[in-house]
Amino acid sequence: AELATRPQNIDTLRDCGVMALLRPLLLDNVPHVQQSAALALGRLANYHEDLADAVVSNGILPQLVYSLHEQNRFYKRAAAFTLRSVAKHSPPLAQSVVDSGALEALVQCLDEFDPGVKESA
């Protein structure tokens, strides 16, 4: 997640196939690893439309949406950020987020006690 904060690293991460590497980490047993993977995906998707499209084409959205129901507040915040980062680039990407079932999951996040989760949703 830290590497994705610096613009000079984005092209290198994309060339290394980071999307395929981050996807299995969303299913890791350690919650912090899951949260870091979701945050890295969000930062990458936030950077450029091509990377947001890679999140969609690699089938990552359904994993994020499914995990929103059962994870802790830190993961929920990172996953909501990722969904927002994908949807902001274009109407087709926003439709992909809606088609993945994210709208219902994000509405449920609005019932969370943590204001950070509510803000991200």
PDB file of N, CA and C in Angstrom:
ATOM      1  N   ALA A   1       0.828  -1.191   0.000  1.00  0.00           N
ATOM      2  CA  ALA A   1       0.000   0.000   0.000  1.00  0.00           C
ATOM      3  C   ALA A   1       0.875   1.258   0.000  1.00  0.00           C
ATOM      4  N   GLU A   2       2.007   1.172   0.665  1.00  0.00           N
ATOM      5  CA  GLU A   2       2.886   2.339   0.747  1.00  0.00           C
ATOM      6  C   GLU A   2       3.491   2.692  -0.610  1.00  0.00           C
ATOM      7  N   LEU A   3       3.847   1.696  -1.407  1.00  0.00           N
ATOM      8  CA  LEU A   3       4.426   1.958  -2.726  1.00  0.00           C
ATOM      9  C   LEU A   3       3.430   2.668  -3.643  1.00  0.00           C
ATOM     10  N   ALA A   4       2.153   2.391  -3.464  1.00  0.00           N
ATOM     11  CA  ALA A   4       1.126   2.968  -4.329  1.00  0.00           C
ATOM     12  C   ALA A   4       0.858   4.437  -4.031  1.00  0.00           C
ATOM     13  N   THR A   5       1.476   4.979  -2.987  1.00  0.00           N
ATOM     14  CA  THR A   5       1.274   6.395  -2.671  1.00  0.00           C
ATOM     15  C   THR A   5       2.164   7.307  -3.502  1.00  0.00           C
ATOM     16  N   ARG A   6       3.192   6.758  -4.095  1.00  0.00           N
ATOM     17  CA  ARG A   6       4.139   7.570  -4.864  1.00  0.00           C
ATOM     18  C   ARG A   6       3.912   7.391  -6.368  1.00  0.00           C
ATOM     19  N   PRO A   7       3.632   8.476  -7.080  1.00  0.00           N
ATOM     20  CA  PRO A   7       3.341   8.380  -8.523  1.00  0.00           C
ATOM     21  C   PRO A   7       4.463   7.736  -9.337  1.00  0.00           C
ATOM     22  N   GLN A   8       5.704   7.889  -8.924  1.00  0.00           N
ATOM     23  CA  GLN A   8       6.814   7.325  -9.692  1.00  0.00           C
ATOM     24  C   GLN A   8       6.825   5.794  -9.628  1.00  0.00           C
ATOM     25  N   ASN A   9       6.111   5.200  -8.682  1.00  0.00           N
ATOM     26  CA  ASN A   9       6.076   3.743  -8.552  1.00  0.00           C
ATOM     27  C   ASN A   9       4.934   3.090  -9.329  1.00  0.00           C
ATOM     28  N   ILE A  10       3.974   3.873  -9.767  1.00  0.00           N
ATOM     29  CA  ILE A  10       2.749   3.316 -10.345  1.00  0.00           C
ATOM     30  C   ILE A  10       3.042   2.490 -11.594  1.00  0.00           C
ATOM     31  N   ASP A  11       3.837   3.022 -12.514  1.00  0.00           N
ATOM     32  CA  ASP A  11       4.131   2.288 -13.750  1.00  0.00           C
ATOM     33  C   ASP A  11       4.870   0.983 -13.475  1.00  0.00           C
ATOM     34  N   THR A  12       5.785   1.014 -12.537  1.00  0.00           N
ATOM     35  CA  THR A  12       6.521  -0.194 -12.179  1.00  0.00           C
ATOM     36  C   THR A  12       5.590  -1.242 -11.583  1.00  0.00           C
ATOM     37  N   LEU A  13       4.695  -0.805 -10.716  1.00  0.00           N
ATOM     38  CA  LEU A  13       3.737  -1.738 -10.115  1.00  0.00           C
ATOM     39  C   LEU A  13       2.825  -2.343 -11.178  1.00  0.00           C
ATOM     40  N   ARG A  14       2.371  -1.519 -12.107  1.00  0.00           N
ATOM     41  CA  ARG A  14       1.495  -2.009 -13.172  1.00  0.00           C
ATOM     42  C   ARG A  14       2.240  -3.035 -14.034  1.00  0.00           C
ATOM     43  N   ASP A  15       3.504  -2.724 -14.376  1.00  0.00           N
ATOM     44  CA  ASP A  15       4.294  -3.627 -15.216  1.00  0.00           C
ATOM     45  C   ASP A  15       4.584  -4.965 -14.525  1.00  0.00           C
ATOM     46  N   CYS A  16       4.628  -4.943 -13.214  1.00  0.00           N
ATOM     47  CA  CYS A  16       4.885  -6.176 -12.453  1.00  0.00           C
ATOM     48  C   CYS A  16       3.634  -7.025 -12.271  1.00  0.00           C
ATOM     49  N   GLY A  17       2.490  -6.524 -12.706  1.00  0.00           N
ATOM     50  CA  GLY A  17       1.241  -7.274 -12.543  1.00  0.00           C
ATOM     51  C   GLY A  17       0.733  -7.277 -11.122  1.00  0.00           C
ATOM     52  N   VAL A  18       0.771  -6.117 -10.503  1.00  0.00           N
ATOM     53  CA  VAL A  18       0.430  -6.026  -9.088  1.00  0.00           C
ATOM     54  C   VAL A  18      -1.027  -6.383  -8.804  1.00  0.00           C
ATOM     55  N   MET A  19      -1.923  -6.174  -9.764  1.00  0.00           N
ATOM     56  CA  MET A  19      -3.342  -6.500  -9.532  1.00  0.00           C
ATOM     57  C   MET A  19      -3.511  -7.998  -9.268  1.00  0.00           C
ATOM     58  N   ALA A  20      -2.836  -8.801 -10.052  1.00  0.00           N
ATOM     59  CA  ALA A  20      -2.923 -10.256  -9.869  1.00  0.00           C
ATOM     60  C   ALA A  20      -2.283 -10.684  -8.551  1.00  0.00           C
ATOM     61  N   LEU A  21      -1.308  -9.926  -8.079  1.00  0.00           N
ATOM     62  CA  LEU A  21      -0.646 -10.258  -6.815  1.00  0.00           C
ATOM     63  C   LEU A  21      -1.472  -9.829  -5.607  1.00  0.00           C
ATOM     64  N   LEU A  22      -2.220  -8.722  -5.756  1.00  0.00           N
ATOM     65  CA  LEU A  22      -3.000  -8.212  -4.630  1.00  0.00           C
ATOM     66  C   LEU A  22      -4.312  -8.965  -4.427  1.00  0.00           C
ATOM     67  N   ARG A  23      -4.858  -9.494  -5.507  1.00  0.00           N
ATOM     68  CA  ARG A  23      -6.165 -10.151  -5.399  1.00  0.00           C
ATOM     69  C   ARG A  23      -6.191 -11.277  -4.361  1.00  0.00           C
ATOM     70  N   PRO A  24      -5.239 -12.217  -4.356  1.00  0.00           N
ATOM     71  CA  PRO A  24      -5.310 -13.274  -3.334  1.00  0.00           C
ATOM     72  C   PRO A  24      -5.102 -12.755  -1.913  1.00  0.00           C
ATOM     73  N   LEU A  25      -4.450 -11.608  -1.782  1.00  0.00           N
ATOM     74  CA  LEU A  25      -4.227 -11.064  -0.439  1.00  0.00           C
ATOM     75  C   LEU A  25      -5.527 -10.555   0.194  1.00  0.00           C
ATOM     76  N   LEU A  26      -6.538 -10.290  -0.624  1.00  0.00           N
ATOM     77  CA  LEU A  26      -7.838  -9.898  -0.076  1.00  0.00           C
ATOM     78  C   LEU A  26      -8.498 -11.047   0.682  1.00  0.00           C
ATOM     79  N   LEU A  27      -8.048 -12.263   0.427  1.00  0.00           N
ATOM     80  CA  LEU A  27      -8.602 -13.446   1.090  1.00  0.00           C
ATOM     81  C   LEU A  27      -7.672 -13.997   2.171  1.00  0.00           C
ATOM     82  N   ASP A  28      -6.634 -13.272   2.503  1.00  0.00           N
ATOM     83  CA  ASP A  28      -5.672 -13.722   3.505  1.00  0.00           C
ATOM     84  C   ASP A  28      -6.344 -13.893   4.862  1.00  0.00           C
ATOM     85  N   ASN A  29      -5.754 -14.694   5.727  1.00  0.00           N
ATOM     86  CA  ASN A  29      -6.297 -14.924   7.070  1.00  0.00           C
ATOM     87  C   ASN A  29      -6.048 -13.762   8.018  1.00  0.00           C
ATOM     88  N   VAL A  30      -5.063 -12.945   7.730  1.00  0.00           N
ATOM     89  CA  VAL A  30      -4.698 -11.841   8.611  1.00  0.00           C
ATOM     90  C   VAL A  30      -5.456 -10.583   8.170  1.00  0.00           C
ATOM     91  N   PRO A  31      -6.293 -10.017   9.032  1.00  0.00           N
ATOM     92  CA  PRO A  31      -7.089  -8.842   8.650  1.00  0.00           C
ATOM     93  C   PRO A  31      -6.259  -7.647   8.186  1.00  0.00           C
ATOM     94  N   HIS A  32      -5.103  -7.444   8.786  1.00  0.00           N
ATOM     95  CA  HIS A  32      -4.267  -6.307   8.392  1.00  0.00           C
ATOM     96  C   HIS A  32      -3.754  -6.471   6.959  1.00  0.00           C
ATOM     97  N   VAL A  33      -3.456  -7.691   6.555  1.00  0.00           N
ATOM     98  CA  VAL A  33      -3.007  -7.960   5.184  1.00  0.00           C
ATOM     99  C   VAL A  33      -4.145  -7.657   4.213  1.00  0.00           C
ATOM    100  N   GLN A  34      -5.357  -8.074   4.565  1.00  0.00           N
ATOM    101  CA  GLN A  34      -6.523  -7.799   3.732  1.00  0.00           C
ATOM    102  C   GLN A  34      -6.748  -6.294   3.581  1.00  0.00           C
ATOM    103  N   GLN A  35      -6.650  -5.598   4.689  1.00  0.00           N
ATOM    104  CA  GLN A  35      -6.854  -4.141   4.679  1.00  0.00           C
ATOM    105  C   GLN A  35      -5.791  -3.453   3.828  1.00  0.00           C
ATOM    106  N   SER A  36      -4.539  -3.863   3.967  1.00  0.00           N
ATOM    107  CA  SER A  36      -3.461  -3.253   3.182  1.00  0.00           C
ATOM    108  C   SER A  36      -3.630  -3.523   1.692  1.00  0.00           C
ATOM    109  N   ALA A  37      -4.079  -4.718   1.340  1.00  0.00           N
ATOM    110  CA  ALA A  37      -4.312  -5.043  -0.068  1.00  0.00           C
ATOM    111  C   ALA A  37      -5.438  -4.189  -0.639  1.00  0.00           C
ATOM    112  N   ALA A  38      -6.517  -4.039   0.113  1.00  0.00           N
ATOM    113  CA  ALA A  38      -7.640  -3.211  -0.345  1.00  0.00           C
ATOM    114  C   ALA A  38      -7.211  -1.752  -0.489  1.00  0.00           C
ATOM    115  N   LEU A  39      -6.417  -1.273   0.443  1.00  0.00           N
ATOM    116  CA  LEU A  39      -5.939   0.106   0.382  1.00  0.00           C
ATOM    117  C   LEU A  39      -5.021   0.314  -0.820  1.00  0.00           C
ATOM    118  N   ALA A  40      -4.145  -0.632  -1.082  1.00  0.00           N
ATOM    119  CA  ALA A  40      -3.256  -0.535  -2.245  1.00  0.00           C
ATOM    120  C   ALA A  40      -4.059  -0.524  -3.537  1.00  0.00           C
ATOM    121  N   LEU A  41      -5.063  -1.380  -3.633  1.00  0.00           N
ATOM    122  CA  LEU A  41      -5.919  -1.400  -4.824  1.00  0.00           C
ATOM    123  C   LEU A  41      -6.633  -0.066  -5.003  1.00  0.00           C
ATOM    124  N   GLY A  42      -7.098   0.495  -3.899  1.00  0.00           N
ATOM    125  CA  GLY A  42      -7.769   1.787  -3.965  1.00  0.00           C
ATOM    126  C   GLY A  42      -6.852   2.901  -4.414  1.00  0.00           C
ATOM    127  N   ARG A  43      -5.651   2.890  -3.910  1.00  0.00           N
ATOM    128  CA  ARG A  43      -4.695   3.935  -4.312  1.00  0.00           C
ATOM    129  C   ARG A  43      -4.320   3.800  -5.783  1.00  0.00           C
ATOM    130  N   LEU A  44      -4.161   2.589  -6.243  1.00  0.00           N
ATOM    131  CA  LEU A  44      -3.843   2.376  -7.660  1.00  0.00           C
ATOM    132  C   LEU A  44      -5.014   2.796  -8.541  1.00  0.00           C
ATOM    133  N   ALA A  45      -6.215   2.377  -8.173  1.00  0.00           N
ATOM    134  CA  ALA A  45      -7.410   2.726  -8.955  1.00  0.00           C
ATOM    135  C   ALA A  45      -7.657   4.223  -8.937  1.00  0.00           C
ATOM    136  N   ASN A  46      -7.327   4.864  -7.858  1.00  0.00           N
ATOM    137  CA  ASN A  46      -7.513   6.310  -7.736  1.00  0.00           C
ATOM    138  C   ASN A  46      -6.576   7.075  -8.662  1.00  0.00           C
ATOM    139  N   TYR A  47      -5.438   6.479  -8.958  1.00  0.00           N
ATOM    140  CA  TYR A  47      -4.403   7.161  -9.731  1.00  0.00           C
ATOM    141  C   TYR A  47      -4.763   7.315 -11.203  1.00  0.00           C
ATOM    142  N   HIS A  48      -5.290   6.257 -11.836  1.00  0.00           N
ATOM    143  CA  HIS A  48      -5.514   6.324 -13.282  1.00  0.00           C
ATOM    144  C   HIS A  48      -6.672   5.400 -13.679  1.00  0.00           C
ATOM    145  N   GLU A  49      -7.387   5.793 -14.709  1.00  0.00           N
ATOM    146  CA  GLU A  49      -8.544   5.025 -15.171  1.00  0.00           C
ATOM    147  C   GLU A  49      -8.158   3.627 -15.639  1.00  0.00           C
ATOM    148  N   ASP A  50      -6.994   3.479 -16.255  1.00  0.00           N
ATOM    149  CA  ASP A  50      -6.558   2.157 -16.712  1.00  0.00           C
ATOM    150  C   ASP A  50      -6.402   1.184 -15.549  1.00  0.00           C
ATOM    151  N   LEU A  51      -5.901   1.688 -14.440  1.00  0.00           N
ATOM    152  CA  LEU A  51      -5.736   0.836 -13.267  1.00  0.00           C
ATOM    153  C   LEU A  51      -7.083   0.516 -12.633  1.00  0.00           C
ATOM    154  N   ALA A  52      -8.005   1.467 -12.663  1.00  0.00           N
ATOM    155  CA  ALA A  52      -9.357   1.197 -12.174  1.00  0.00           C
ATOM    156  C   ALA A  52     -10.025   0.137 -13.035  1.00  0.00           C
ATOM    157  N   ASP A  53      -9.799   0.214 -14.334  1.00  0.00           N
ATOM    158  CA  ASP A  53     -10.343  -0.792 -15.241  1.00  0.00           C
ATOM    159  C   ASP A  53      -9.709  -2.163 -14.968  1.00  0.00           C
ATOM    160  N   ALA A  54      -8.457  -2.178 -14.580  1.00  0.00           N
ATOM    161  CA  ALA A  54      -7.790  -3.444 -14.241  1.00  0.00           C
ATOM    162  C   ALA A  54      -8.408  -4.078 -12.995  1.00  0.00           C
ATOM    163  N   VAL A  55      -8.846  -3.252 -12.049  1.00  0.00           N
ATOM    164  CA  VAL A  55      -9.532  -3.781 -10.868  1.00  0.00           C
ATOM    165  C   VAL A  55     -10.812  -4.495 -11.299  1.00  0.00           C
ATOM    166  N   VAL A  56     -11.536  -3.891 -12.238  1.00  0.00           N
ATOM    167  CA  VAL A  56     -12.781  -4.488 -12.728  1.00  0.00           C
ATOM    168  C   VAL A  56     -12.491  -5.753 -13.530  1.00  0.00           C
ATOM    169  N   SER A  57     -11.556  -5.676 -14.457  1.00  0.00           N
ATOM    170  CA  SER A  57     -11.293  -6.806 -15.351  1.00  0.00           C
ATOM    171  C   SER A  57     -10.664  -8.002 -14.637  1.00  0.00           C
ATOM    172  N   ASN A  58     -10.005  -7.775 -13.525  1.00  0.00           N
ATOM    173  CA  ASN A  58      -9.414  -8.884 -12.762  1.00  0.00           C
ATOM    174  C   ASN A  58     -10.401  -9.515 -11.782  1.00  0.00           C
ATOM    175  N   GLY A  59     -11.646  -9.062 -11.794  1.00  0.00           N
ATOM    176  CA  GLY A  59     -12.670  -9.660 -10.939  1.00  0.00           C
ATOM    177  C   GLY A  59     -12.488  -9.375  -9.461  1.00  0.00           C
ATOM    178  N   ILE A  60     -11.944  -8.229  -9.145  1.00  0.00           N
ATOM    179  CA  ILE A  60     -11.672  -7.889  -7.751  1.00  0.00           C
ATOM    180  C   ILE A  60     -12.896  -7.299  -7.060  1.00  0.00           C
ATOM    181  N   LEU A  61     -13.767  -6.641  -7.809  1.00  0.00           N
ATOM    182  CA  LEU A  61     -14.936  -5.986  -7.204  1.00  0.00           C
ATOM    183  C   LEU A  61     -15.823  -6.943  -6.410  1.00  0.00           C
ATOM    184  N   PRO A  62     -16.177  -8.112  -6.936  1.00  0.00           N
ATOM    185  CA  PRO A  62     -17.027  -9.010  -6.133  1.00  0.00           C
ATOM    186  C   PRO A  62     -16.401  -9.426  -4.804  1.00  0.00           C
ATOM    187  N   GLN A  63     -15.085  -9.594  -4.792  1.00  0.00           N
ATOM    188  CA  GLN A  63     -14.406  -9.936  -3.534  1.00  0.00           C
ATOM    189  C   GLN A  63     -14.533  -8.803  -2.526  1.00  0.00           C
ATOM    190  N   LEU A  64     -14.355  -7.576  -2.987  1.00  0.00           N
ATOM    191  CA  LEU A  64     -14.468  -6.424  -2.091  1.00  0.00           C
ATOM    192  C   LEU A  64     -15.879  -6.306  -1.532  1.00  0.00           C
ATOM    193  N   VAL A  65     -16.859  -6.464  -2.400  1.00  0.00           N
ATOM    194  CA  VAL A  65     -18.253  -6.331  -1.972  1.00  0.00           C
ATOM    195  C   VAL A  65     -18.622  -7.428  -0.987  1.00  0.00           C
ATOM    196  N   TYR A  66     -18.217  -8.653  -1.281  1.00  0.00           N
ATOM    197  CA  TYR A  66     -18.526  -9.771  -0.385  1.00  0.00           C
ATOM    198  C   TYR A  66     -17.898  -9.555   0.995  1.00  0.00           C
ATOM    199  N   SER A  67     -16.696  -9.063   1.017  1.00  0.00           N
ATOM    200  CA  SER A  67     -15.985  -8.890   2.286  1.00  0.00           C
ATOM    201  C   SER A  67     -16.497  -7.713   3.106  1.00  0.00           C
ATOM    202  N   LEU A  68     -17.195  -6.790   2.481  1.00  0.00           N
ATOM    203  CA  LEU A  68     -17.715  -5.639   3.224  1.00  0.00           C
ATOM    204  C   LEU A  68     -18.662  -6.062   4.346  1.00  0.00           C
ATOM    205  N   HIS A  69     -19.349  -7.171   4.173  1.00  0.00           N
ATOM    206  CA  HIS A  69     -20.334  -7.608   5.157  1.00  0.00           C
ATOM    207  C   HIS A  69     -19.704  -8.173   6.423  1.00  0.00           C
ATOM    208  N   GLU A  70     -18.514  -8.725   6.305  1.00  0.00           N
ATOM    209  CA  GLU A  70     -17.989  -9.482   7.434  1.00  0.00           C
ATOM    210  C   GLU A  70     -16.678  -8.976   8.022  1.00  0.00           C
ATOM    211  N   GLN A  71     -16.135  -7.898   7.506  1.00  0.00           N
ATOM    212  CA  GLN A  71     -14.821  -7.448   7.971  1.00  0.00           C
ATOM    213  C   GLN A  71     -14.927  -6.324   9.009  1.00  0.00           C
ATOM    214  N   ASN A  72     -13.767  -5.952   9.553  1.00  0.00           N
ATOM    215  CA  ASN A  72     -13.715  -4.887  10.549  1.00  0.00           C
ATOM    216  C   ASN A  72     -13.825  -3.512   9.885  1.00  0.00           C
ATOM    217  N   ARG A  73     -13.900  -2.502  10.706  1.00  0.00           N
ATOM    218  CA  ARG A  73     -14.135  -1.147  10.188  1.00  0.00           C
ATOM    219  C   ARG A  73     -12.979  -0.622   9.345  1.00  0.00           C
ATOM    220  N   PHE A  74     -11.780  -1.033   9.620  1.00  0.00           N
ATOM    221  CA  PHE A  74     -10.629  -0.560   8.849  1.00  0.00           C
ATOM    222  C   PHE A  74     -10.668  -1.124   7.430  1.00  0.00           C
ATOM    223  N   TYR A  75     -11.020  -2.394   7.321  1.00  0.00           N
ATOM    224  CA  TYR A  75     -11.152  -2.995   5.996  1.00  0.00           C
ATOM    225  C   TYR A  75     -12.312  -2.362   5.245  1.00  0.00           C
ATOM    226  N   LYS A  76     -13.412  -2.140   5.931  1.00  0.00           N
ATOM    227  CA  LYS A  76     -14.582  -1.533   5.282  1.00  0.00           C
ATOM    228  C   LYS A  76     -14.240  -0.163   4.720  1.00  0.00           C
ATOM    229  N   ARG A  77     -13.469   0.597   5.463  1.00  0.00           N
ATOM    230  CA  ARG A  77     -13.061   1.927   4.992  1.00  0.00           C
ATOM    231  C   ARG A  77     -12.188   1.811   3.736  1.00  0.00           C
ATOM    232  N   ALA A  78     -11.239   0.877   3.741  1.00  0.00           N
ATOM    233  CA  ALA A  78     -10.354   0.697   2.587  1.00  0.00           C
ATOM    234  C   ALA A  78     -11.124   0.163   1.378  1.00  0.00           C
ATOM    235  N   ALA A  79     -12.040  -0.770   1.600  1.00  0.00           N
ATOM    236  CA  ALA A  79     -12.818  -1.325   0.490  1.00  0.00           C
ATOM    237  C   ALA A  79     -13.745  -0.279  -0.112  1.00  0.00           C
ATOM    238  N   ALA A  80     -14.369   0.532   0.729  1.00  0.00           N
ATOM    239  CA  ALA A  80     -15.242   1.598   0.224  1.00  0.00           C
ATOM    240  C   ALA A  80     -14.428   2.620  -0.571  1.00  0.00           C
ATOM    241  N   PHE A  81     -13.221   2.911  -0.112  1.00  0.00           N
ATOM    242  CA  PHE A  81     -12.332   3.811  -0.845  1.00  0.00           C
ATOM    243  C   PHE A  81     -11.999   3.237  -2.222  1.00  0.00           C
ATOM    244  N   THR A  82     -11.745   1.944  -2.278  1.00  0.00           N
ATOM    245  CA  THR A  82     -11.430   1.296  -3.552  1.00  0.00           C
ATOM    246  C   THR A  82     -12.624   1.369  -4.500  1.00  0.00           C
ATOM    247  N   LEU A  83     -13.796   1.070  -3.997  1.00  0.00           N
ATOM    248  CA  LEU A  83     -14.997   1.135  -4.832  1.00  0.00           C
ATOM    249  C   LEU A  83     -15.222   2.548  -5.356  1.00  0.00           C
ATOM    250  N   ARG A  84     -15.037   3.527  -4.503  1.00  0.00           N
ATOM    251  CA  ARG A  84     -15.187   4.936  -4.910  1.00  0.00           C
ATOM    252  C   ARG A  84     -14.130   5.315  -5.945  1.00  0.00           C
ATOM    253  N   SER A  85     -12.910   4.843  -5.763  1.00  0.00           N
ATOM    254  CA  SER A  85     -11.822   5.161  -6.692  1.00  0.00           C
ATOM    255  C   SER A  85     -12.073   4.572  -8.073  1.00  0.00           C
ATOM    256  N   VAL A  86     -12.674   3.409  -8.127  1.00  0.00           N
ATOM    257  CA  VAL A  86     -12.996   2.794  -9.418  1.00  0.00           C
ATOM    258  C   VAL A  86     -14.134   3.559 -10.088  1.00  0.00           C
ATOM    259  N   ALA A  87     -15.165   3.856  -9.326  1.00  0.00           N
ATOM    260  CA  ALA A  87     -16.380   4.445  -9.896  1.00  0.00           C
ATOM    261  C   ALA A  87     -16.203   5.884 -10.364  1.00  0.00           C
ATOM    262  N   LYS A  88     -15.256   6.592  -9.847  1.00  0.00           N
ATOM    263  CA  LYS A  88     -15.138   8.018 -10.144  1.00  0.00           C
ATOM    264  C   LYS A  88     -14.634   8.333 -11.555  1.00  0.00           C
ATOM    265  N   HIS A  89     -14.033   7.379 -12.224  1.00  0.00           N
ATOM    266  CA  HIS A  89     -13.366   7.668 -13.487  1.00  0.00           C
ATOM    267  C   HIS A  89     -14.296   7.803 -14.687  1.00  0.00           C
ATOM    268  N   SER A  90     -15.319   6.959 -14.771  1.00  0.00           N
ATOM    269  CA  SER A  90     -16.192   7.005 -15.943  1.00  0.00           C
ATOM    270  C   SER A  90     -17.520   6.332 -15.630  1.00  0.00           C
ATOM    271  N   PRO A  91     -18.558   6.658 -16.395  1.00  0.00           N
ATOM    272  CA  PRO A  91     -19.858   6.001 -16.185  1.00  0.00           C
ATOM    273  C   PRO A  91     -19.813   4.472 -16.353  1.00  0.00           C
ATOM    274  N   PRO A  92     -19.077   3.926 -17.346  1.00  0.00           N
ATOM    275  CA  PRO A  92     -19.030   2.455 -17.418  1.00  0.00           C
ATOM    276  C   PRO A  92     -18.384   1.801 -16.194  1.00  0.00           C
ATOM    277  N   LEU A  93     -17.353   2.434 -15.648  1.00  0.00           N
ATOM    278  CA  LEU A  93     -16.726   1.882 -14.440  1.00  0.00           C
ATOM    279  C   LEU A  93     -17.676   1.996 -13.250  1.00  0.00           C
ATOM    280  N   ALA A  94     -18.390   3.113 -13.165  1.00  0.00           N
ATOM    281  CA  ALA A  94     -19.375   3.275 -12.092  1.00  0.00           C
ATOM    282  C   ALA A  94     -20.463   2.213 -12.220  1.00  0.00           C
ATOM    283  N   GLN A  95     -20.870   1.912 -13.440  1.00  0.00           N
ATOM    284  CA  GLN A  95     -21.879   0.875 -13.650  1.00  0.00           C
ATOM    285  C   GLN A  95     -21.347  -0.488 -13.251  1.00  0.00           C
ATOM    286  N   SER A  96     -20.071  -0.732 -13.471  1.00  0.00           N
ATOM    287  CA  SER A  96     -19.459  -1.999 -13.046  1.00  0.00           C
ATOM    288  C   SER A  96     -19.509  -2.146 -11.527  1.00  0.00           C
ATOM    289  N   VAL A  97     -19.282  -1.047 -10.823  1.00  0.00           N
ATOM    290  CA  VAL A  97     -19.353  -1.072  -9.359  1.00  0.00           C
ATOM    291  C   VAL A  97     -20.774  -1.385  -8.921  1.00  0.00           C
ATOM    292  N   VAL A  98     -21.752  -0.744  -9.550  1.00  0.00           N
ATOM    293  CA  VAL A  98     -23.155  -0.995  -9.217  1.00  0.00           C
ATOM    294  C   VAL A  98     -23.525  -2.441  -9.538  1.00  0.00           C
ATOM    295  N   ASP A  99     -23.093  -2.936 -10.690  1.00  0.00           N
ATOM    296  CA  ASP A  99     -23.405  -4.308 -11.108  1.00  0.00           C
ATOM    297  C   ASP A  99     -22.800  -5.356 -10.175  1.00  0.00           C
ATOM    298  N   SER A 100     -21.726  -5.005  -9.492  1.00  0.00           N
ATOM    299  CA  SER A 100     -21.101  -5.952  -8.569  1.00  0.00           C
ATOM    300  C   SER A 100     -21.870  -6.079  -7.254  1.00  0.00           C
ATOM    301  N   GLY A 101     -22.903  -5.270  -7.074  1.00  0.00           N
ATOM    302  CA  GLY A 101     -23.689  -5.317  -5.846  1.00  0.00           C
ATOM    303  C   GLY A 101     -23.167  -4.410  -4.760  1.00  0.00           C
ATOM    304  N   ALA A 102     -22.318  -3.482  -5.118  1.00  0.00           N
ATOM    305  CA  ALA A 102     -21.685  -2.628  -4.118  1.00  0.00           C
ATOM    306  C   ALA A 102     -22.642  -1.642  -3.477  1.00  0.00           C
ATOM    307  N   LEU A 103     -23.675  -1.242  -4.197  1.00  0.00           N
ATOM    308  CA  LEU A 103     -24.579  -0.228  -3.663  1.00  0.00           C
ATOM    309  C   LEU A 103     -25.242  -0.687  -2.367  1.00  0.00           C
ATOM    310  N   GLU A 104     -25.745  -1.898  -2.359  1.00  0.00           N
ATOM    311  CA  GLU A 104     -26.401  -2.425  -1.156  1.00  0.00           C
ATOM    312  C   GLU A 104     -25.412  -2.544   0.001  1.00  0.00           C
ATOM    313  N   ALA A 105     -24.214  -3.024  -0.301  1.00  0.00           N
ATOM    314  CA  ALA A 105     -23.201  -3.176   0.748  1.00  0.00           C
ATOM    315  C   ALA A 105     -22.775  -1.826   1.302  1.00  0.00           C
ATOM    316  N   LEU A 106     -22.660  -0.822   0.434  1.00  0.00           N
ATOM    317  CA  LEU A 106     -22.261   0.511   0.899  1.00  0.00           C
ATOM    318  C   LEU A 106     -23.368   1.166   1.724  1.00  0.00           C
ATOM    319  N   VAL A 107     -24.610   0.916   1.367  1.00  0.00           N
ATOM    320  CA  VAL A 107     -25.724   1.457   2.157  1.00  0.00           C
ATOM    321  C   VAL A 107     -25.704   0.847   3.556  1.00  0.00           C
ATOM    322  N   GLN A 108     -25.377  -0.430   3.654  1.00  0.00           N
ATOM    323  CA  GLN A 108     -25.265  -1.063   4.974  1.00  0.00           C
ATOM    324  C   GLN A 108     -24.104  -0.478   5.775  1.00  0.00           C
ATOM    325  N   CYS A 109     -23.066  -0.026   5.082  1.00  0.00           N
ATOM    326  CA  CYS A 109     -21.932   0.604   5.776  1.00  0.00           C
ATOM    327  C   CYS A 109     -22.334   1.947   6.388  1.00  0.00           C
ATOM    328  N   LEU A 110     -23.376   2.551   5.855  1.00  0.00           N
ATOM    329  CA  LEU A 110     -23.846   3.814   6.425  1.00  0.00           C
ATOM    330  C   LEU A 110     -24.420   3.630   7.826  1.00  0.00           C
ATOM    331  N   ASP A 111     -24.762   2.394   8.187  1.00  0.00           N
ATOM    332  CA  ASP A 111     -25.276   2.097   9.524  1.00  0.00           C
ATOM    333  C   ASP A 111     -24.159   1.845  10.535  1.00  0.00           C
ATOM    334  N   GLU A 112     -22.922   1.842  10.091  1.00  0.00           N
ATOM    335  CA  GLU A 112     -21.788   1.603  10.989  1.00  0.00           C
ATOM    336  C   GLU A 112     -21.650   2.743  11.996  1.00  0.00           C
ATOM    337  N   PHE A 113     -21.099   2.410  13.147  1.00  0.00           N
ATOM    338  CA  PHE A 113     -20.876   3.406  14.189  1.00  0.00           C
ATOM    339  C   PHE A 113     -19.708   4.332  13.845  1.00  0.00           C
ATOM    340  N   ASP A 114     -18.693   3.783  13.201  1.00  0.00           N
ATOM    341  CA  ASP A 114     -17.474   4.535  12.893  1.00  0.00           C
ATOM    342  C   ASP A 114     -17.739   5.589  11.804  1.00  0.00           C
ATOM    343  N   PRO A 115     -17.486   6.862  12.105  1.00  0.00           N
ATOM    344  CA  PRO A 115     -17.714   7.910  11.087  1.00  0.00           C
ATOM    345  C   PRO A 115     -16.808   7.776   9.870  1.00  0.00           C
ATOM    346  N   GLY A 116     -15.645   7.184  10.018  1.00  0.00           N
ATOM    347  CA  GLY A 116     -14.741   6.981   8.879  1.00  0.00           C
ATOM    348  C   GLY A 116     -15.331   6.019   7.858  1.00  0.00           C
ATOM    349  N   VAL A 117     -16.013   4.984   8.335  1.00  0.00           N
ATOM    350  CA  VAL A 117     -16.668   4.030   7.435  1.00  0.00           C
ATOM    351  C   VAL A 117     -17.826   4.720   6.728  1.00  0.00           C
ATOM    352  N   LYS A 118     -18.599   5.499   7.477  1.00  0.00           N
ATOM    353  CA  LYS A 118     -19.725   6.215   6.882  1.00  0.00           C
ATOM    354  C   LYS A 118     -19.250   7.178   5.807  1.00  0.00           C
ATOM    355  N   GLU A 119     -18.174   7.888   6.090  1.00  0.00           N
ATOM    356  CA  GLU A 119     -17.635   8.854   5.124  1.00  0.00           C
ATOM    357  C   GLU A 119     -17.138   8.155   3.859  1.00  0.00           C
ATOM    358  N   SER A 120     -16.488   7.035   4.019  1.00  0.00           N
ATOM    359  CA  SER A 120     -15.984   6.301   2.846  1.00  0.00           C
ATOM    360  C   SER A 120     -17.122   5.734   2.014  1.00  0.00           C
ATOM    361  N   ALA A 121     -18.172   5.283   2.692  1.00  0.00           N
ATOM    362  CA  ALA A 121     -19.323   4.727   1.975  1.00  0.00           C
ATOM    363  C   ALA A 121     -20.040   5.830   1.231  1.00  0.00           C
TER     364      ALA A 121
END
